[in-house]
Amino acid sequence: MMATQRWRELVETEHAQSDQKRGETPPPQDHWRPFAKNFRADPHRTDDPLVNRLLQEVEPLHTVMDVGAGGGRLALPLALRCAQMVAVEPSSSMCQVLREQATDSSVDNVTLVEARWEEAQVESVDIVLCAHVLYVVAGIEDFVRKMEANARGKVLVVLFQAPPQSQIYHLWHMVHGEERIPLPSLPQFREVLEQLGIDGNVEMLEQLPHRGFEDREQALEQLTDRLYLALGSSQLAKLEQILPDMLQETDSGFIIKGSQPLQPALVSWRPQES
């Protein structure tokens, strides 16, 4: 099986498993609405290793595009460095956060394109960035080729070594009694690039701290959503039973015992026509 076909299969089977557990409850039109406010961040911050690394790629005369810009956690700091930032984001709640943060921080060189990348009408820029988006993109070849076509100088992709939700995969098994189908991540992306004839440079970045919870109540609430558990279900009762023993208290809250820190990577290459 070709790498792009394998990628699509992983995305589609993971989504099908999620839909099966969700039952008759339809997926939300804007998945990010309950969490969008959490993606607000000060564009002037200096303690973000990923932002600091990406700033090394950007010069003042560059035009940059952030594909899947979310609330602007990366787009706005980079906009402070570059000549023009194009932020492509389909989530209306994320777009609202980005607009508000840009206004509050007096960042006025951002053009917001509220659309999915596949349908977005954009012009070429010097650098195209895509961070933590590709995991759920079934049509990976077209997505990557469009990034290449719109990058005059360089494409930058940020991906985790393991899928973003991998820290709770063992909980999925304990609650649902089956293995969680993983989304594709960095290893599969390397194979996709090889198939597409792209010689990408892979740079492993600083490990992220454990994703934690402020308290036990927040842990139960968030995990109920992430595991697609219905109120009153036996699966939710199981989670409530096992969760106290699965949480480890830290100085900043609680983490899931045995979960591994997420390891991001920066994959970069120059478009073949450059």
C-alpha atoms as a PDB file:
ATOM      1  CA  MET A   1       0.000   0.000   0.000  1.00  0.00           C
ATOM      2  CA  MET A   2       1.269   3.467  -0.899  1.00  0.00           C
ATOM      3  CA  ALA A   3       2.081   5.809   1.975  1.00  0.00           C
ATOM      4  CA  THR A   4      -0.647   8.277   1.006  1.00  0.00           C
ATOM      5  CA  GLN A   5      -3.220   5.473   0.896  1.00  0.00           C
ATOM      6  CA  ARG A   6      -2.097   4.190   4.288  1.00  0.00           C
ATOM      7  CA  TRP A   7      -2.379   7.720   5.687  1.00  0.00           C
ATOM      8  CA  ARG A   8      -5.945   8.058   4.381  1.00  0.00           C
ATOM      9  CA  GLU A   9      -6.869   4.670   5.800  1.00  0.00           C
ATOM     10  CA  LEU A  10      -5.641   5.619   9.278  1.00  0.00           C
ATOM     11  CA  VAL A  11      -7.550   8.905   9.261  1.00  0.00           C
ATOM     12  CA  GLU A  12     -10.778   7.393   7.954  1.00  0.00           C
ATOM     13  CA  THR A  13     -10.768   4.364  10.267  1.00  0.00           C
ATOM     14  CA  GLU A  14      -9.974   6.547  13.299  1.00  0.00           C
ATOM     15  CA  HIS A  15     -12.843   8.859  12.387  1.00  0.00           C
ATOM     16  CA  ALA A  16     -15.169   5.885  11.867  1.00  0.00           C
ATOM     17  CA  GLN A  17     -14.266   4.520  15.297  1.00  0.00           C
ATOM     18  CA  SER A  18     -14.964   7.934  16.835  1.00  0.00           C
ATOM     19  CA  ASP A  19     -18.331   8.161  15.062  1.00  0.00           C
ATOM     20  CA  GLN A  20     -19.259   4.674  16.270  1.00  0.00           C
ATOM     21  CA  LYS A  21     -18.555   5.617  19.876  1.00  0.00           C
ATOM     22  CA  ARG A  22     -20.335   8.945  19.476  1.00  0.00           C
ATOM     23  CA  GLY A  23     -23.490   7.058  18.536  1.00  0.00           C
ATOM     24  CA  GLU A  24     -26.459   9.129  17.423  1.00  0.00           C
ATOM     25  CA  THR A  25     -24.894  12.367  18.633  1.00  0.00           C
ATOM     26  CA  PRO A  26     -23.681  14.200  15.509  1.00  0.00           C
ATOM     27  CA  PRO A  27     -20.209  15.718  15.543  1.00  0.00           C
ATOM     28  CA  PRO A  28     -20.233  19.447  16.350  1.00  0.00           C
ATOM     29  CA  GLN A  29     -20.156  21.875  13.440  1.00  0.00           C
ATOM     30  CA  ASP A  30     -17.315  23.725  15.146  1.00  0.00           C
ATOM     31  CA  HIS A  31     -15.305  21.208  17.131  1.00  0.00           C
ATOM     32  CA  TRP A  32     -13.094  23.913  18.626  1.00  0.00           C
ATOM     33  CA  ARG A  33     -15.815  26.142  20.101  1.00  0.00           C
ATOM     34  CA  PRO A  34     -15.536  24.785  23.692  1.00  0.00           C
ATOM     35  CA  PHE A  35     -11.726  25.036  23.630  1.00  0.00           C
ATOM     36  CA  ALA A  36     -10.983  28.056  21.421  1.00  0.00           C
ATOM     37  CA  LYS A  37     -10.370  30.453  24.303  1.00  0.00           C
ATOM     38  CA  ASN A  38      -7.596  28.153  25.537  1.00  0.00           C
ATOM     39  CA  PHE A  39      -5.642  28.875  22.344  1.00  0.00           C
ATOM     40  CA  ARG A  40      -5.293  32.568  23.106  1.00  0.00           C
ATOM     41  CA  ALA A  41      -1.679  33.527  23.795  1.00  0.00           C
ATOM     42  CA  ASP A  42       0.374  36.700  24.053  1.00  0.00           C
ATOM     43  CA  PRO A  43       2.133  37.284  20.701  1.00  0.00           C
ATOM     44  CA  HIS A  44       4.997  38.982  22.542  1.00  0.00           C
ATOM     45  CA  ARG A  45       5.819  35.960  24.728  1.00  0.00           C
ATOM     46  CA  THR A  46       9.434  34.853  24.760  1.00  0.00           C
ATOM     47  CA  ASP A  47       9.168  31.545  26.625  1.00  0.00           C
ATOM     48  CA  ASP A  48       7.642  29.424  23.841  1.00  0.00           C
ATOM     49  CA  PRO A  49      10.325  27.124  22.327  1.00  0.00           C
ATOM     50  CA  LEU A  50       8.348  26.461  19.140  1.00  0.00           C
ATOM     51  CA  VAL A  51       7.714  30.155  18.489  1.00  0.00           C
ATOM     52  CA  ASN A  52      11.364  30.939  19.139  1.00  0.00           C
ATOM     53  CA  ARG A  53      12.462  28.248  16.689  1.00  0.00           C
ATOM     54  CA  LEU A  54      10.060  29.358  13.966  1.00  0.00           C
ATOM     55  CA  LEU A  55      11.141  32.970  14.338  1.00  0.00           C
ATOM     56  CA  GLN A  56      14.581  31.853  13.169  1.00  0.00           C
ATOM     57  CA  GLU A  57      13.033  31.015   9.775  1.00  0.00           C
ATOM     58  CA  VAL A  58      11.371  34.397   9.271  1.00  0.00           C
ATOM     59  CA  GLU A  59      12.924  37.620   7.996  1.00  0.00           C
ATOM     60  CA  PRO A  60      11.295  41.077   8.143  1.00  0.00           C
ATOM     61  CA  LEU A  61      10.618  41.146   4.379  1.00  0.00           C
ATOM     62  CA  HIS A  62       9.031  37.682   4.303  1.00  0.00           C
ATOM     63  CA  THR A  63       5.369  37.001   3.665  1.00  0.00           C
ATOM     64  CA  VAL A  64       4.127  34.003   5.664  1.00  0.00           C
ATOM     65  CA  MET A  65       1.016  31.834   5.611  1.00  0.00           C
ATOM     66  CA  ASP A  66      -0.185  29.763   8.575  1.00  0.00           C
ATOM     67  CA  VAL A  67      -2.428  26.930   7.381  1.00  0.00           C
ATOM     68  CA  GLY A  68      -4.759  26.009  10.209  1.00  0.00           C
ATOM     69  CA  ALA A  69      -3.815  29.050  12.238  1.00  0.00           C
ATOM     70  CA  GLY A  70      -6.282  28.390  15.060  1.00  0.00           C
ATOM     71  CA  GLY A  71      -6.388  31.236  17.562  1.00  0.00           C
ATOM     72  CA  GLY A  72      -3.123  32.676  16.272  1.00  0.00           C
ATOM     73  CA  ARG A  73      -0.717  31.140  18.784  1.00  0.00           C
ATOM     74  CA  LEU A  74       1.945  30.948  16.062  1.00  0.00           C
ATOM     75  CA  ALA A  75       0.597  33.306  13.406  1.00  0.00           C
ATOM     76  CA  LEU A  76       0.552  36.407  15.598  1.00  0.00           C
ATOM     77  CA  PRO A  77       4.103  36.130  17.017  1.00  0.00           C
ATOM     78  CA  LEU A  78       5.396  35.505  13.481  1.00  0.00           C
ATOM     79  CA  ALA A  79       3.360  38.448  12.194  1.00  0.00           C
ATOM     80  CA  LEU A  80       5.342  40.693  14.525  1.00  0.00           C
ATOM     81  CA  ARG A  81       8.491  39.627  12.659  1.00  0.00           C
ATOM     82  CA  CYS A  82       7.353  39.401   9.028  1.00  0.00           C
ATOM     83  CA  ALA A  83       5.957  41.817   6.448  1.00  0.00           C
ATOM     84  CA  GLN A  84       2.580  40.105   6.029  1.00  0.00           C
ATOM     85  CA  MET A  85       0.831  37.119   7.603  1.00  0.00           C
ATOM     86  CA  VAL A  86      -1.996  35.179   5.965  1.00  0.00           C
ATOM     87  CA  ALA A  87      -3.881  33.061   8.500  1.00  0.00           C
ATOM     88  CA  VAL A  88      -6.072  30.299   7.034  1.00  0.00           C
ATOM     89  CA  GLU A  89      -8.545  28.862   9.550  1.00  0.00           C
ATOM     90  CA  PRO A  90     -11.983  27.241   9.059  1.00  0.00           C
ATOM     91  CA  SER A  91     -13.204  27.388  12.683  1.00  0.00           C
ATOM     92  CA  SER A  92     -15.294  30.497  13.342  1.00  0.00           C
ATOM     93  CA  SER A  93     -14.589  30.324  17.080  1.00  0.00           C
ATOM     94  CA  MET A  94     -10.850  30.136  16.478  1.00  0.00           C
ATOM     95  CA  CYS A  95     -11.076  33.038  14.028  1.00  0.00           C
ATOM     96  CA  GLN A  96     -12.822  35.106  16.668  1.00  0.00           C
ATOM     97  CA  VAL A  97     -10.017  34.427  19.147  1.00  0.00           C
ATOM     98  CA  LEU A  98      -7.404  35.328  16.534  1.00  0.00           C
ATOM     99  CA  ARG A  99      -9.150  38.591  15.651  1.00  0.00           C
ATOM    100  CA  GLU A 100      -9.553  39.594  19.283  1.00  0.00           C
ATOM    101  CA  GLN A 101      -5.943  38.792  20.148  1.00  0.00           C
ATOM    102  CA  ALA A 102      -4.638  40.631  17.095  1.00  0.00           C
ATOM    103  CA  THR A 103      -6.661  43.706  18.024  1.00  0.00           C
ATOM    104  CA  ASP A 104      -5.662  43.595  21.673  1.00  0.00           C
ATOM    105  CA  SER A 105      -1.988  43.210  20.732  1.00  0.00           C
ATOM    106  CA  SER A 106      -2.051  45.820  17.926  1.00  0.00           C
ATOM    107  CA  VAL A 107      -1.010  43.299  15.264  1.00  0.00           C
ATOM    108  CA  ASP A 108      -2.315  44.813  12.041  1.00  0.00           C
ATOM    109  CA  ASN A 109      -0.560  42.890   9.246  1.00  0.00           C
ATOM    110  CA  VAL A 110      -2.694  39.739   9.353  1.00  0.00           C
ATOM    111  CA  THR A 111      -5.110  38.732   6.609  1.00  0.00           C
ATOM    112  CA  LEU A 112      -7.583  36.120   7.851  1.00  0.00           C
ATOM    113  CA  VAL A 113      -8.968  33.591   5.355  1.00  0.00           C
ATOM    114  CA  GLU A 114     -11.864  31.796   7.033  1.00  0.00           C
ATOM    115  CA  ALA A 115     -11.905  28.566   5.019  1.00  0.00           C
ATOM    116  CA  ARG A 116     -10.634  25.027   4.879  1.00  0.00           C
ATOM    117  CA  TRP A 117      -7.238  24.835   3.215  1.00  0.00           C
ATOM    118  CA  GLU A 118      -8.629  22.664   0.456  1.00  0.00           C
ATOM    119  CA  GLU A 119     -11.054  25.453  -0.586  1.00  0.00           C
ATOM    120  CA  ALA A 120      -9.030  28.512   0.435  1.00  0.00           C
ATOM    121  CA  GLN A 121      -8.283  31.048  -2.298  1.00  0.00           C
ATOM    122  CA  VAL A 122      -4.842  32.436  -1.541  1.00  0.00           C
ATOM    123  CA  GLU A 123      -1.811  33.923  -3.255  1.00  0.00           C
ATOM    124  CA  SER A 124       1.729  32.610  -2.944  1.00  0.00           C
ATOM    125  CA  VAL A 125       3.921  33.682  -0.034  1.00  0.00           C
ATOM    126  CA  ASP A 126       7.535  33.139   0.913  1.00  0.00           C
ATOM    127  CA  ILE A 127       6.896  30.634   3.717  1.00  0.00           C
ATOM    128  CA  VAL A 128       3.941  28.299   4.258  1.00  0.00           C
ATOM    129  CA  LEU A 129       3.598  26.935   7.796  1.00  0.00           C
ATOM    130  CA  CYS A 130       1.293  24.148   8.963  1.00  0.00           C
ATOM    131  CA  ALA A 131       1.473  23.148  12.630  1.00  0.00           C
ATOM    132  CA  HIS A 132      -0.389  20.214  14.199  1.00  0.00           C
ATOM    133  CA  VAL A 133      -3.055  20.052  11.495  1.00  0.00           C
ATOM    134  CA  LEU A 134      -2.167  17.145   9.228  1.00  0.00           C
ATOM    135  CA  TYR A 135      -3.177  14.337  11.606  1.00  0.00           C
ATOM    136  CA  VAL A 136      -6.825  14.561  10.498  1.00  0.00           C
ATOM    137  CA  VAL A 137      -6.271  15.333   6.808  1.00  0.00           C
ATOM    138  CA  ALA A 138      -7.309  12.299   4.743  1.00  0.00           C
ATOM    139  CA  GLY A 139      -6.230  13.763   1.398  1.00  0.00           C
ATOM    140  CA  ILE A 140      -2.640  14.307   2.465  1.00  0.00           C
ATOM    141  CA  GLU A 141      -1.092  14.455  -1.036  1.00  0.00           C
ATOM    142  CA  ASP A 142      -3.329  17.251  -2.333  1.00  0.00           C
ATOM    143  CA  PHE A 143      -2.947  19.133   0.954  1.00  0.00           C
ATOM    144  CA  VAL A 144       0.848  19.013   0.816  1.00  0.00           C
ATOM    145  CA  ARG A 145       1.015  19.798  -2.890  1.00  0.00           C
ATOM    146  CA  LYS A 146      -1.124  22.896  -2.364  1.00  0.00           C
ATOM    147  CA  MET A 147       1.247  24.069   0.372  1.00  0.00           C
ATOM    148  CA  GLU A 148       4.159  23.566  -2.002  1.00  0.00           C
ATOM    149  CA  ALA A 149       2.386  25.415  -4.801  1.00  0.00           C
ATOM    150  CA  ASN A 150       1.852  28.447  -2.572  1.00  0.00           C
ATOM    151  CA  ALA A 151       5.354  28.575  -1.041  1.00  0.00           C
ATOM    152  CA  ARG A 152       7.952  30.502  -2.997  1.00  0.00           C
ATOM    153  CA  GLY A 153      10.731  29.743  -0.524  1.00  0.00           C
ATOM    154  CA  LYS A 154      10.001  27.102   2.090  1.00  0.00           C
ATOM    155  CA  VAL A 155       7.366  24.816   3.596  1.00  0.00           C
ATOM    156  CA  LEU A 156       7.399  24.271   7.376  1.00  0.00           C
ATOM    157  CA  VAL A 157       5.381  21.480   8.991  1.00  0.00           C
ATOM    158  CA  VAL A 158       5.172  20.794  12.718  1.00  0.00           C
ATOM    159  CA  LEU A 159       4.049  17.327  13.800  1.00  0.00           C
ATOM    160  CA  PHE A 160       4.293  15.212  16.913  1.00  0.00           C
ATOM    161  CA  GLN A 161       6.193  11.938  16.888  1.00  0.00           C
ATOM    162  CA  ALA A 162       3.010  10.289  18.218  1.00  0.00           C
ATOM    163  CA  PRO A 163      -0.643  11.305  17.671  1.00  0.00           C
ATOM    164  CA  PRO A 164      -1.800  14.202  19.893  1.00  0.00           C
ATOM    165  CA  GLN A 165      -4.298  12.062  21.821  1.00  0.00           C
ATOM    166  CA  SER A 166      -1.909   9.136  22.286  1.00  0.00           C
ATOM    167  CA  GLN A 167      -1.558  10.015  25.967  1.00  0.00           C
ATOM    168  CA  ILE A 168      -5.074   8.684  26.585  1.00  0.00           C
ATOM    169  CA  TYR A 169      -5.017   5.649  24.283  1.00  0.00           C
ATOM    170  CA  HIS A 170      -4.615   3.251  27.220  1.00  0.00           C
ATOM    171  CA  LEU A 171      -7.675   4.819  28.864  1.00  0.00           C
ATOM    172  CA  TRP A 172      -9.612   4.226  25.650  1.00  0.00           C
ATOM    173  CA  HIS A 173      -8.770   0.526  25.888  1.00  0.00           C
ATOM    174  CA  MET A 174      -9.736   0.341  29.560  1.00  0.00           C
ATOM    175  CA  VAL A 175     -13.081   2.082  29.027  1.00  0.00           C
ATOM    176  CA  HIS A 176     -14.152   0.758  25.618  1.00  0.00           C
ATOM    177  CA  GLY A 177     -12.473  -2.640  25.724  1.00  0.00           C
ATOM    178  CA  GLU A 178     -10.743  -2.163  22.381  1.00  0.00           C
ATOM    179  CA  GLU A 179      -7.576  -0.599  21.033  1.00  0.00           C
ATOM    180  CA  ARG A 180      -7.772   2.992  19.848  1.00  0.00           C
ATOM    181  CA  ILE A 181      -7.023   3.330  16.159  1.00  0.00           C
ATOM    182  CA  PRO A 182      -4.177   5.870  15.995  1.00  0.00           C
ATOM    183  CA  LEU A 183      -4.069   8.871  13.723  1.00  0.00           C
ATOM    184  CA  PRO A 184      -0.999   9.227  11.503  1.00  0.00           C
ATOM    185  CA  SER A 185       1.848  11.371  12.778  1.00  0.00           C
ATOM    186  CA  LEU A 186       5.536  12.005  12.061  1.00  0.00           C
ATOM    187  CA  PRO A 187       6.626   8.451  11.100  1.00  0.00           C
ATOM    188  CA  GLN A 188       3.844   8.167   8.525  1.00  0.00           C
ATOM    189  CA  PHE A 189       4.536  11.700   7.260  1.00  0.00           C
ATOM    190  CA  ARG A 190       8.144  10.764   6.559  1.00  0.00           C
ATOM    191  CA  GLU A 191       6.847   7.933   4.380  1.00  0.00           C
ATOM    192  CA  VAL A 192       4.439  10.268   2.579  1.00  0.00           C
ATOM    193  CA  LEU A 193       7.239  12.701   1.780  1.00  0.00           C
ATOM    194  CA  GLU A 194       9.378   9.876   0.455  1.00  0.00           C
ATOM    195  CA  GLN A 195       6.559   8.737  -1.810  1.00  0.00           C
ATOM    196  CA  LEU A 196       6.049  12.303  -3.063  1.00  0.00           C
ATOM    197  CA  GLY A 197       9.750  12.714  -3.786  1.00  0.00           C
ATOM    198  CA  ILE A 198      10.188  15.446  -1.191  1.00  0.00           C
ATOM    199  CA  ASP A 199      13.501  15.581   0.631  1.00  0.00           C
ATOM    200  CA  GLY A 200      12.364  17.045   3.935  1.00  0.00           C
ATOM    201  CA  ASN A 201      14.713  17.948   6.767  1.00  0.00           C
ATOM    202  CA  VAL A 202      13.426  16.626  10.108  1.00  0.00           C
ATOM    203  CA  GLU A 203      14.490  18.441  13.269  1.00  0.00           C
ATOM    204  CA  MET A 204      13.305  17.078  16.605  1.00  0.00           C
ATOM    205  CA  LEU A 205      12.289  19.866  18.961  1.00  0.00           C
ATOM    206  CA  GLU A 206      12.033  20.234  22.707  1.00  0.00           C
ATOM    207  CA  GLN A 207       9.622  17.837  24.395  1.00  0.00           C
ATOM    208  CA  LEU A 208       6.412  19.407  25.606  1.00  0.00           C
ATOM    209  CA  PRO A 209       5.359  19.196  29.247  1.00  0.00           C
ATOM    210  CA  HIS A 210       2.648  16.683  30.071  1.00  0.00           C
ATOM    211  CA  ARG A 211      -0.821  17.801  29.119  1.00  0.00           C
ATOM    212  CA  GLY A 212      -2.536  18.034  32.454  1.00  0.00           C
ATOM    213  CA  PHE A 213      -5.716  19.019  34.200  1.00  0.00           C
ATOM    214  CA  GLU A 214      -6.312  21.689  36.805  1.00  0.00           C
ATOM    215  CA  ASP A 215      -8.212  19.290  39.061  1.00  0.00           C
ATOM    216  CA  ARG A 216      -9.972  15.918  39.102  1.00  0.00           C
ATOM    217  CA  GLU A 217     -13.277  17.438  38.025  1.00  0.00           C
ATOM    218  CA  GLN A 218     -11.726  18.951  34.905  1.00  0.00           C
ATOM    219  CA  ALA A 219     -10.005  15.651  34.135  1.00  0.00           C
ATOM    220  CA  LEU A 220     -13.314  13.786  34.256  1.00  0.00           C
ATOM    221  CA  GLU A 221     -15.076  16.413  32.136  1.00  0.00           C
ATOM    222  CA  GLN A 222     -12.426  16.557  29.425  1.00  0.00           C
ATOM    223  CA  LEU A 223     -11.841  12.820  29.271  1.00  0.00           C
ATOM    224  CA  THR A 224     -15.577  12.200  29.006  1.00  0.00           C
ATOM    225  CA  ASP A 225     -15.548  14.305  25.828  1.00  0.00           C
ATOM    226  CA  ARG A 226     -12.318  12.871  24.412  1.00  0.00           C
ATOM    227  CA  LEU A 227     -13.501   9.302  24.928  1.00  0.00           C
ATOM    228  CA  TYR A 228     -17.003  10.032  23.545  1.00  0.00           C
ATOM    229  CA  LEU A 229     -18.814   8.821  26.649  1.00  0.00           C
ATOM    230  CA  ALA A 230     -22.562   9.301  27.022  1.00  0.00           C
ATOM    231  CA  LEU A 231     -24.090  10.395  30.297  1.00  0.00           C
ATOM    232  CA  GLY A 232     -25.371   7.414  32.229  1.00  0.00           C
ATOM    233  CA  SER A 233     -23.422   4.911  30.135  1.00  0.00           C
ATOM    234  CA  SER A 234     -21.535   1.946  31.563  1.00  0.00           C
ATOM    235  CA  GLN A 235     -18.391   3.295  29.890  1.00  0.00           C
ATOM    236  CA  LEU A 236     -18.663   6.568  31.813  1.00  0.00           C
ATOM    237  CA  ALA A 237     -19.220   4.627  35.015  1.00  0.00           C
ATOM    238  CA  LYS A 238     -16.038   2.690  34.237  1.00  0.00           C
ATOM    239  CA  LEU A 239     -14.077   5.901  33.737  1.00  0.00           C
ATOM    240  CA  GLU A 240     -15.380   7.310  37.013  1.00  0.00           C
ATOM    241  CA  GLN A 241     -14.292   4.104  38.729  1.00  0.00           C
ATOM    242  CA  ILE A 242     -10.738   3.928  37.374  1.00  0.00           C
ATOM    243  CA  LEU A 243      -9.874   7.616  37.050  1.00  0.00           C
ATOM    244  CA  PRO A 244      -8.831   8.293  40.676  1.00  0.00           C
ATOM    245  CA  ASP A 245      -6.108   5.650  40.389  1.00  0.00           C
ATOM    246  CA  MET A 246      -5.066   6.858  36.920  1.00  0.00           C
ATOM    247  CA  LEU A 247      -4.318  10.450  37.911  1.00  0.00           C
ATOM    248  CA  GLN A 248      -0.978  11.605  39.267  1.00  0.00           C
ATOM    249  CA  GLU A 249      -0.812  14.913  41.133  1.00  0.00           C
ATOM    250  CA  THR A 250       1.938  17.384  40.166  1.00  0.00           C
ATOM    251  CA  ASP A 251       2.834  20.918  41.201  1.00  0.00           C
ATOM    252  CA  SER A 252       0.613  22.289  38.416  1.00  0.00           C
ATOM    253  CA  GLY A 253      -2.331  19.906  38.623  1.00  0.00           C
ATOM    254  CA  PHE A 254      -2.899  16.329  37.506  1.00  0.00           C
ATOM    255  CA  ILE A 255      -1.546  14.159  34.690  1.00  0.00           C
ATOM    256  CA  ILE A 256      -2.406  10.649  33.561  1.00  0.00           C
ATOM    257  CA  LYS A 257      -0.068   8.063  35.026  1.00  0.00           C
ATOM    258  CA  GLY A 258       2.209   6.475  32.463  1.00  0.00           C
ATOM    259  CA  SER A 259       1.518   9.042  29.743  1.00  0.00           C
ATOM    260  CA  GLN A 260       4.535  10.033  27.679  1.00  0.00           C
ATOM    261  CA  PRO A 261       5.480  13.646  26.871  1.00  0.00           C
ATOM    262  CA  LEU A 262       4.734  14.691  23.312  1.00  0.00           C
ATOM    263  CA  GLN A 263       7.787  15.143  21.066  1.00  0.00           C
ATOM    264  CA  PRO A 264       7.322  17.686  18.264  1.00  0.00           C
ATOM    265  CA  ALA A 265       9.362  17.878  15.090  1.00  0.00           C
ATOM    266  CA  LEU A 266       9.907  20.591  12.504  1.00  0.00           C
ATOM    267  CA  VAL A 267       9.880  19.250   8.960  1.00  0.00           C
ATOM    268  CA  SER A 268      11.097  21.695   6.329  1.00  0.00           C
ATOM    269  CA  TRP A 269      11.803  21.677   2.634  1.00  0.00           C
ATOM    270  CA  ARG A 270      12.037  23.956  -0.369  1.00  0.00           C
ATOM    271  CA  PRO A 271       9.380  23.440  -3.057  1.00  0.00           C
ATOM    272  CA  GLN A 272      10.665  21.426  -5.970  1.00  0.00           C
ATOM    273  CA  GLU A 273      10.175  24.269  -8.407  1.00  0.00           C
ATOM    274  CA  SER A 274      12.298  26.675  -6.292  1.00  0.00           C
END
